[in-house]
PDB file of all heavy atoms in Angstrom:
ATOM      1  N   GLY A   1       0.820  -1.213   0.000  1.00  0.00           N
ATOM      2  CA  GLY A   1       0.000   0.000   0.000  1.00  0.00           C
ATOM      3  C   GLY A   1       0.845   1.250   0.000  1.00  0.00           C
ATOM      4  O   GLY A   1       0.542   2.223  -0.696  1.00  0.00           O
ATOM      5  N   ALA A   2       1.934   1.232   0.775  1.00  0.00           N
ATOM      6  CA  ALA A   2       2.840   2.380   0.818  1.00  0.00           C
ATOM      7  C   ALA A   2       3.498   2.605  -0.547  1.00  0.00           C
ATOM      8  O   ALA A   2       3.646   3.746  -0.992  1.00  0.00           O
ATOM      9  CB  ALA A   2       3.899   2.173   1.891  1.00  0.00           C
ATOM     10  N   THR A   3       3.863   1.517  -1.222  1.00  0.00           N
ATOM     11  CA  THR A   3       4.459   1.626  -2.554  1.00  0.00           C
ATOM     12  C   THR A   3       3.460   2.209  -3.544  1.00  0.00           C
ATOM     13  O   THR A   3       3.794   3.103  -4.332  1.00  0.00           O
ATOM     14  CB  THR A   3       4.943   0.249  -3.041  1.00  0.00           C
ATOM     15  OG1 THR A   3       5.942  -0.229  -2.146  1.00  0.00           O
ATOM     16  CG2 THR A   3       5.506   0.316  -4.449  1.00  0.00           C
ATOM     17  N   ALA A   4       2.230   1.712  -3.507  1.00  0.00           N
ATOM     18  CA  ALA A   4       1.197   2.212  -4.419  1.00  0.00           C
ATOM     19  C   ALA A   4       0.911   3.689  -4.165  1.00  0.00           C
ATOM     20  O   ALA A   4       0.805   4.484  -5.107  1.00  0.00           O
ATOM     21  CB  ALA A   4      -0.084   1.390  -4.258  1.00  0.00           C
ATOM     22  N   LEU A   5       0.817   4.066  -2.901  1.00  0.00           N
ATOM     23  CA  LEU A   5       0.535   5.462  -2.560  1.00  0.00           C
ATOM     24  C   LEU A   5       1.704   6.367  -2.959  1.00  0.00           C
ATOM     25  O   LEU A   5       1.486   7.471  -3.471  1.00  0.00           O
ATOM     26  CB  LEU A   5       0.240   5.589  -1.065  1.00  0.00           C
ATOM     27  CG  LEU A   5      -0.364   6.905  -0.611  1.00  0.00           C
ATOM     28  CD1 LEU A   5      -1.664   7.207  -1.345  1.00  0.00           C
ATOM     29  CD2 LEU A   5      -0.593   6.878   0.885  1.00  0.00           C
ATOM     30  N   ALA A   6       2.926   5.903  -2.764  1.00  0.00           N
ATOM     31  CA  ALA A   6       4.093   6.689  -3.169  1.00  0.00           C
ATOM     32  C   ALA A   6       4.098   6.902  -4.681  1.00  0.00           C
ATOM     33  O   ALA A   6       4.434   7.992  -5.167  1.00  0.00           O
ATOM     34  CB  ALA A   6       5.372   5.994  -2.722  1.00  0.00           C
ATOM     35  N   HIS A   7       3.713   5.874  -5.421  1.00  0.00           N
ATOM     36  CA  HIS A   7       3.641   6.016  -6.882  1.00  0.00           C
ATOM     37  C   HIS A   7       2.568   7.027  -7.279  1.00  0.00           C
ATOM     38  O   HIS A   7       2.808   7.898  -8.130  1.00  0.00           O
ATOM     39  CB  HIS A   7       3.361   4.662  -7.537  1.00  0.00           C
ATOM     40  CG  HIS A   7       3.120   4.773  -9.002  1.00  0.00           C
ATOM     41  ND1 HIS A   7       4.125   5.042  -9.911  1.00  0.00           N
ATOM     42  CD2 HIS A   7       1.976   4.695  -9.724  1.00  0.00           C
ATOM     43  CE1 HIS A   7       3.608   5.111 -11.121  1.00  0.00           C
ATOM     44  NE2 HIS A   7       2.308   4.910 -11.027  1.00  0.00           N
ATOM     45  N   LEU A   8       1.391   6.927  -6.674  1.00  0.00           N
ATOM     46  CA  LEU A   8       0.324   7.883  -6.974  1.00  0.00           C
ATOM     47  C   LEU A   8       0.777   9.310  -6.690  1.00  0.00           C
ATOM     48  O   LEU A   8       0.513  10.229  -7.476  1.00  0.00           O
ATOM     49  CB  LEU A   8      -0.937   7.560  -6.167  1.00  0.00           C
ATOM     50  CG  LEU A   8      -1.707   6.318  -6.576  1.00  0.00           C
ATOM     51  CD1 LEU A   8      -2.836   6.054  -5.591  1.00  0.00           C
ATOM     52  CD2 LEU A   8      -2.249   6.467  -7.992  1.00  0.00           C
ATOM     53  N   ARG A   9       1.454   9.500  -5.575  1.00  0.00           N
ATOM     54  CA  ARG A   9       1.954  10.823  -5.209  1.00  0.00           C
ATOM     55  C   ARG A   9       2.992  11.310  -6.238  1.00  0.00           C
ATOM     56  O   ARG A   9       2.961  12.462  -6.667  1.00  0.00           O
ATOM     57  CB  ARG A   9       2.558  10.791  -3.817  1.00  0.00           C
ATOM     58  CG  ARG A   9       3.133  12.115  -3.374  1.00  0.00           C
ATOM     59  CD  ARG A   9       3.574  12.065  -1.927  1.00  0.00           C
ATOM     60  NE  ARG A   9       2.619  12.710  -1.059  1.00  0.00           N
ATOM     61  CZ  ARG A   9       2.439  14.029  -0.992  1.00  0.00           C
ATOM     62  NH1 ARG A   9       3.143  14.830  -1.756  1.00  0.00           N
ATOM     63  NH2 ARG A   9       1.561  14.541  -0.184  1.00  0.00           N
ATOM     64  N   ALA A  10       3.887  10.425  -6.644  1.00  0.00           N
ATOM     65  CA  ALA A  10       4.948  10.803  -7.585  1.00  0.00           C
ATOM     66  C   ALA A  10       4.398  11.235  -8.941  1.00  0.00           C
ATOM     67  O   ALA A  10       4.925  12.172  -9.556  1.00  0.00           O
ATOM     68  CB  ALA A  10       5.924   9.648  -7.768  1.00  0.00           C
ATOM     69  N   VAL A  11       3.355  10.567  -9.410  1.00  0.00           N
ATOM     70  CA  VAL A  11       2.838  10.879 -10.745  1.00  0.00           C
ATOM     71  C   VAL A  11       1.755  11.957 -10.733  1.00  0.00           C
ATOM     72  O   VAL A  11       1.267  12.354 -11.789  1.00  0.00           O
ATOM     73  CB  VAL A  11       2.321   9.611 -11.486  1.00  0.00           C
ATOM     74  CG1 VAL A  11       3.447   8.617 -11.675  1.00  0.00           C
ATOM     75  CG2 VAL A  11       1.140   8.988 -10.773  1.00  0.00           C
ATOM     76  N   THR A  12       1.394  12.434  -9.543  1.00  0.00           N
ATOM     77  CA  THR A  12       0.369  13.480  -9.472  1.00  0.00           C
ATOM     78  C   THR A  12       0.865  14.688  -8.693  1.00  0.00           C
ATOM     79  O   THR A  12       1.215  15.707  -9.284  1.00  0.00           O
ATOM     80  CB  THR A  12      -0.928  12.951  -8.832  1.00  0.00           C
ATOM     81  OG1 THR A  12      -0.657  12.470  -7.508  1.00  0.00           O
ATOM     82  CG2 THR A  12      -1.552  11.855  -9.663  1.00  0.00           C
ATOM     83  N   ILE A  13       0.920  14.581  -7.390  1.00  0.00           N
ATOM     84  CA  ILE A  13       1.225  15.726  -6.533  1.00  0.00           C
ATOM     85  C   ILE A  13       2.638  16.244  -6.782  1.00  0.00           C
ATOM     86  O   ILE A  13       2.860  17.456  -6.833  1.00  0.00           O
ATOM     87  CB  ILE A  13       0.999  15.359  -5.049  1.00  0.00           C
ATOM     88  CG1 ILE A  13      -0.500  15.110  -4.825  1.00  0.00           C
ATOM     89  CG2 ILE A  13       1.519  16.463  -4.122  1.00  0.00           C
ATOM     90  CD1 ILE A  13      -0.875  14.605  -3.460  1.00  0.00           C
ATOM     91  N   ASP A  14       3.602  15.348  -6.946  1.00  0.00           N
ATOM     92  CA  ASP A  14       4.985  15.764  -7.140  1.00  0.00           C
ATOM     93  C   ASP A  14       5.332  16.071  -8.606  1.00  0.00           C
ATOM     94  O   ASP A  14       6.453  16.463  -8.899  1.00  0.00           O
ATOM     95  CB  ASP A  14       5.935  14.685  -6.612  1.00  0.00           C
ATOM     96  CG  ASP A  14       5.803  14.492  -5.112  1.00  0.00           C
ATOM     97  OD1 ASP A  14       5.317  15.410  -4.422  1.00  0.00           O
ATOM     98  OD2 ASP A  14       6.179  13.408  -4.622  1.00  0.00           O
ATOM     99  N   ARG A  15       4.388  15.895  -9.506  1.00  0.00           N
ATOM    100  CA  ARG A  15       4.620  16.134 -10.930  1.00  0.00           C
ATOM    101  C   ARG A  15       4.663  17.634 -11.208  1.00  0.00           C
ATOM    102  O   ARG A  15       3.830  18.396 -10.713  1.00  0.00           O
ATOM    103  CB  ARG A  15       3.493  15.500 -11.742  1.00  0.00           C
ATOM    104  CG  ARG A  15       3.630  15.666 -13.222  1.00  0.00           C
ATOM    105  CD  ARG A  15       2.478  14.984 -13.933  1.00  0.00           C
ATOM    106  NE  ARG A  15       2.592  15.144 -15.376  1.00  0.00           N
ATOM    107  CZ  ARG A  15       1.638  14.858 -16.224  1.00  0.00           C
ATOM    108  NH1 ARG A  15       0.484  14.365 -15.784  1.00  0.00           N
ATOM    109  NH2 ARG A  15       1.801  15.031 -17.507  1.00  0.00           N
ATOM    110  N   ARG A  16       5.634  18.039 -11.993  1.00  0.00           N
ATOM    111  CA  ARG A  16       5.757  19.440 -12.387  1.00  0.00           C
ATOM    112  C   ARG A  16       5.585  19.550 -13.895  1.00  0.00           C
ATOM    113  O   ARG A  16       6.131  18.747 -14.645  1.00  0.00           O
ATOM    114  CB  ARG A  16       7.119  19.998 -11.991  1.00  0.00           C
ATOM    115  CG  ARG A  16       7.405  19.947 -10.498  1.00  0.00           C
ATOM    116  CD  ARG A  16       6.447  20.852  -9.723  1.00  0.00           C
ATOM    117  NE  ARG A  16       6.654  20.718  -8.288  1.00  0.00           N
ATOM    118  CZ  ARG A  16       5.813  20.104  -7.476  1.00  0.00           C
ATOM    119  NH1 ARG A  16       4.711  19.555  -7.941  1.00  0.00           N
ATOM    120  NH2 ARG A  16       6.051  20.050  -6.197  1.00  0.00           N
ATOM    121  N   LEU A  17       4.828  20.532 -14.311  1.00  0.00           N
ATOM    122  CA  LEU A  17       4.602  20.771 -15.733  1.00  0.00           C
ATOM    123  C   LEU A  17       5.386  21.997 -16.177  1.00  0.00           C
ATOM    124  O   LEU A  17       5.566  22.941 -15.407  1.00  0.00           O
ATOM    125  CB  LEU A  17       3.115  20.975 -16.004  1.00  0.00           C
ATOM    126  CG  LEU A  17       2.196  19.821 -15.602  1.00  0.00           C
ATOM    127  CD1 LEU A  17       0.746  20.226 -15.792  1.00  0.00           C
ATOM    128  CD2 LEU A  17       2.513  18.584 -16.404  1.00  0.00           C
ATOM    129  N   GLY A  18       5.816  21.981 -17.401  1.00  0.00           N
ATOM    130  CA  GLY A  18       6.549  23.111 -17.946  1.00  0.00           C
ATOM    131  C   GLY A  18       5.626  24.244 -18.338  1.00  0.00           C
ATOM    132  O   GLY A  18       4.394  24.114 -18.319  1.00  0.00           O
ATOM    133  N   PRO A  19       6.222  25.371 -18.702  1.00  0.00           N
ATOM    134  CA  PRO A  19       5.423  26.543 -19.067  1.00  0.00           C
ATOM    135  C   PRO A  19       4.594  26.342 -20.333  1.00  0.00           C
ATOM    136  O   PRO A  19       3.653  27.101 -20.584  1.00  0.00           O
ATOM    137  CB  PRO A  19       6.467  27.642 -19.259  1.00  0.00           C
ATOM    138  CG  PRO A  19       7.747  26.930 -19.487  1.00  0.00           C
ATOM    139  CD  PRO A  19       7.650  25.616 -18.773  1.00  0.00           C
ATOM    140  N   GLU A  20       4.906  25.305 -21.110  1.00  0.00           N
ATOM    141  CA  GLU A  20       4.156  25.059 -22.344  1.00  0.00           C
ATOM    142  C   GLU A  20       2.870  24.265 -22.091  1.00  0.00           C
ATOM    143  O   GLU A  20       2.080  24.056 -23.011  1.00  0.00           O
ATOM    144  CB  GLU A  20       5.032  24.312 -23.359  1.00  0.00           C
ATOM    145  CG  GLU A  20       5.274  22.844 -23.034  1.00  0.00           C
ATOM    146  CD  GLU A  20       6.284  22.589 -21.910  1.00  0.00           C
ATOM    147  OE1 GLU A  20       6.973  23.508 -21.455  1.00  0.00           O
ATOM    148  OE2 GLU A  20       6.356  21.434 -21.479  1.00  0.00           O
ATOM    149  N   ALA A  21       2.635  23.859 -20.861  1.00  0.00           N
ATOM    150  CA  ALA A  21       1.447  23.055 -20.542  1.00  0.00           C
ATOM    151  C   ALA A  21       0.176  23.845 -20.826  1.00  0.00           C
ATOM    152  O   ALA A  21       0.056  25.027 -20.473  1.00  0.00           O
ATOM    153  CB  ALA A  21       1.480  22.620 -19.090  1.00  0.00           C
ATOM    154  N   SER A  22      -0.755  23.174 -21.459  1.00  0.00           N
ATOM    155  CA  SER A  22      -2.022  23.827 -21.787  1.00  0.00           C
ATOM    156  C   SER A  22      -2.887  23.974 -20.543  1.00  0.00           C
ATOM    157  O   SER A  22      -2.690  23.286 -19.539  1.00  0.00           O
ATOM    158  CB  SER A  22      -2.778  23.008 -22.832  1.00  0.00           C
ATOM    159  OG  SER A  22      -3.213  21.778 -22.259  1.00  0.00           O
ATOM    160  N   GLU A  23      -3.859  24.851 -20.645  1.00  0.00           N
ATOM    161  CA  GLU A  23      -4.794  25.027 -19.534  1.00  0.00           C
ATOM    162  C   GLU A  23      -5.559  23.734 -19.270  1.00  0.00           C
ATOM    163  O   GLU A  23      -5.798  23.370 -18.120  1.00  0.00           O
ATOM    164  CB  GLU A  23      -5.772  26.164 -19.834  1.00  0.00           C
ATOM    165  CG  GLU A  23      -6.727  26.425 -18.688  1.00  0.00           C
ATOM    166  CD  GLU A  23      -7.682  27.572 -18.953  1.00  0.00           C
ATOM    167  OE1 GLU A  23      -7.383  28.422 -19.814  1.00  0.00           O
ATOM    168  OE2 GLU A  23      -8.724  27.602 -18.291  1.00  0.00           O
ATOM    169  N   ALA A  24      -5.903  23.018 -20.333  1.00  0.00           N
ATOM    170  CA  ALA A  24      -6.621  21.752 -20.177  1.00  0.00           C
ATOM    171  C   ALA A  24      -5.777  20.741 -19.403  1.00  0.00           C
ATOM    172  O   ALA A  24      -6.281  20.049 -18.514  1.00  0.00           O
ATOM    173  CB  ALA A  24      -7.011  21.186 -21.540  1.00  0.00           C
ATOM    174  N   LEU A  25      -4.486  20.658 -19.717  1.00  0.00           N
ATOM    175  CA  LEU A  25      -3.606  19.734 -19.008  1.00  0.00           C
ATOM    176  C   LEU A  25      -3.451  20.150 -17.548  1.00  0.00           C
ATOM    177  O   LEU A  25      -3.473  19.302 -16.646  1.00  0.00           O
ATOM    178  CB  LEU A  25      -2.238  19.655 -19.688  1.00  0.00           C
ATOM    179  CG  LEU A  25      -1.221  18.714 -19.030  1.00  0.00           C
ATOM    180  CD1 LEU A  25      -1.754  17.283 -18.972  1.00  0.00           C
ATOM    181  CD2 LEU A  25       0.095  18.767 -19.766  1.00  0.00           C
ATOM    182  N   LEU A  26      -3.311  21.444 -17.302  1.00  0.00           N
ATOM    183  CA  LEU A  26      -3.201  21.926 -15.925  1.00  0.00           C
ATOM    184  C   LEU A  26      -4.437  21.560 -15.113  1.00  0.00           C
ATOM    185  O   LEU A  26      -4.325  21.112 -13.967  1.00  0.00           O
ATOM    186  CB  LEU A  26      -2.996  23.444 -15.907  1.00  0.00           C
ATOM    187  CG  LEU A  26      -1.657  23.944 -16.435  1.00  0.00           C
ATOM    188  CD1 LEU A  26      -1.695  25.468 -16.587  1.00  0.00           C
ATOM    189  CD2 LEU A  26      -0.524  23.508 -15.539  1.00  0.00           C
ATOM    190  N   ARG A  27      -5.604  21.702 -15.710  1.00  0.00           N
ATOM    191  CA  ARG A  27      -6.844  21.350 -15.009  1.00  0.00           C
ATOM    192  C   ARG A  27      -6.933  19.845 -14.768  1.00  0.00           C
ATOM    193  O   ARG A  27      -7.359  19.398 -13.706  1.00  0.00           O
ATOM    194  CB  ARG A  27      -8.058  21.833 -15.798  1.00  0.00           C
ATOM    195  CG  ARG A  27      -8.196  23.335 -15.807  1.00  0.00           C
ATOM    196  CD  ARG A  27      -9.379  23.776 -16.679  1.00  0.00           C
ATOM    197  NE  ARG A  27      -9.467  25.196 -16.772  1.00  0.00           N
ATOM    198  CZ  ARG A  27     -10.092  25.974 -15.886  1.00  0.00           C
ATOM    199  NH1 ARG A  27     -10.676  25.436 -14.840  1.00  0.00           N
ATOM    200  NH2 ARG A  27     -10.131  27.271 -16.041  1.00  0.00           N
ATOM    201  N   PHE A  28      -6.528  19.057 -15.740  1.00  0.00           N
ATOM    202  CA  PHE A  28      -6.550  17.604 -15.620  1.00  0.00           C
ATOM    203  C   PHE A  28      -5.633  17.147 -14.483  1.00  0.00           C
ATOM    204  O   PHE A  28      -6.027  16.355 -13.625  1.00  0.00           O
ATOM    205  CB  PHE A  28      -6.116  16.969 -16.946  1.00  0.00           C
ATOM    206  CG  PHE A  28      -6.023  15.476 -16.906  1.00  0.00           C
ATOM    207  CD1 PHE A  28      -7.170  14.692 -16.888  1.00  0.00           C
ATOM    208  CD2 PHE A  28      -4.792  14.844 -16.884  1.00  0.00           C
ATOM    209  CE1 PHE A  28      -7.083  13.306 -16.851  1.00  0.00           C
ATOM    210  CE2 PHE A  28      -4.699  13.466 -16.852  1.00  0.00           C
ATOM    211  CZ  PHE A  28      -5.848  12.689 -16.829  1.00  0.00           C
ATOM    212  N   VAL A  29      -4.407  17.660 -14.471  1.00  0.00           N
ATOM    213  CA  VAL A  29      -3.448  17.268 -13.437  1.00  0.00           C
ATOM    214  C   VAL A  29      -3.918  17.743 -12.066  1.00  0.00           C
ATOM    215  O   VAL A  29      -3.761  17.028 -11.069  1.00  0.00           O
ATOM    216  CB  VAL A  29      -2.038  17.804 -13.777  1.00  0.00           C
ATOM    217  CG1 VAL A  29      -1.067  17.612 -12.622  1.00  0.00           C
ATOM    218  CG2 VAL A  29      -1.504  17.102 -15.022  1.00  0.00           C
ATOM    219  N   GLU A  30      -4.518  18.900 -11.992  1.00  0.00           N
ATOM    220  CA  GLU A  30      -5.023  19.378 -10.704  1.00  0.00           C
ATOM    221  C   GLU A  30      -6.132  18.467 -10.179  1.00  0.00           C
ATOM    222  O   GLU A  30      -6.215  18.213  -8.978  1.00  0.00           O
ATOM    223  CB  GLU A  30      -5.528  20.824 -10.819  1.00  0.00           C
ATOM    224  CG  GLU A  30      -5.920  21.426  -9.487  1.00  0.00           C
ATOM    225  CD  GLU A  30      -4.815  21.391  -8.444  1.00  0.00           C
ATOM    226  OE1 GLU A  30      -3.628  21.486  -8.799  1.00  0.00           O
ATOM    227  OE2 GLU A  30      -5.150  21.254  -7.249  1.00  0.00           O
ATOM    228  N   GLY A  31      -6.962  17.946 -11.069  1.00  0.00           N
ATOM    229  CA  GLY A  31      -7.983  16.983 -10.653  1.00  0.00           C
ATOM    230  C   GLY A  31      -7.353  15.712 -10.105  1.00  0.00           C
ATOM    231  O   GLY A  31      -7.813  15.163  -9.095  1.00  0.00           O
ATOM    232  N   GLN A  32      -6.288  15.241 -10.755  1.00  0.00           N
ATOM    233  CA  GLN A  32      -5.577  14.064 -10.253  1.00  0.00           C
ATOM    234  C   GLN A  32      -4.991  14.340  -8.875  1.00  0.00           C
ATOM    235  O   GLN A  32      -5.074  13.505  -7.971  1.00  0.00           O
ATOM    236  CB  GLN A  32      -4.448  13.674 -11.207  1.00  0.00           C
ATOM    237  CG  GLN A  32      -4.922  13.119 -12.529  1.00  0.00           C
ATOM    238  CD  GLN A  32      -3.744  12.788 -13.430  1.00  0.00           C
ATOM    239  OE1 GLN A  32      -2.721  13.477 -13.427  1.00  0.00           O
ATOM    240  NE2 GLN A  32      -3.879  11.725 -14.194  1.00  0.00           N
TER     241      GLN A  32
END
């Protein structure tokens, strides 16, 4: 469970998008 939660955190909360990210992508990632 800790491994799964760490993965979820890494691909969502800790993910950083570049300045070229679209508004749609920013909204999608924020939902995640």
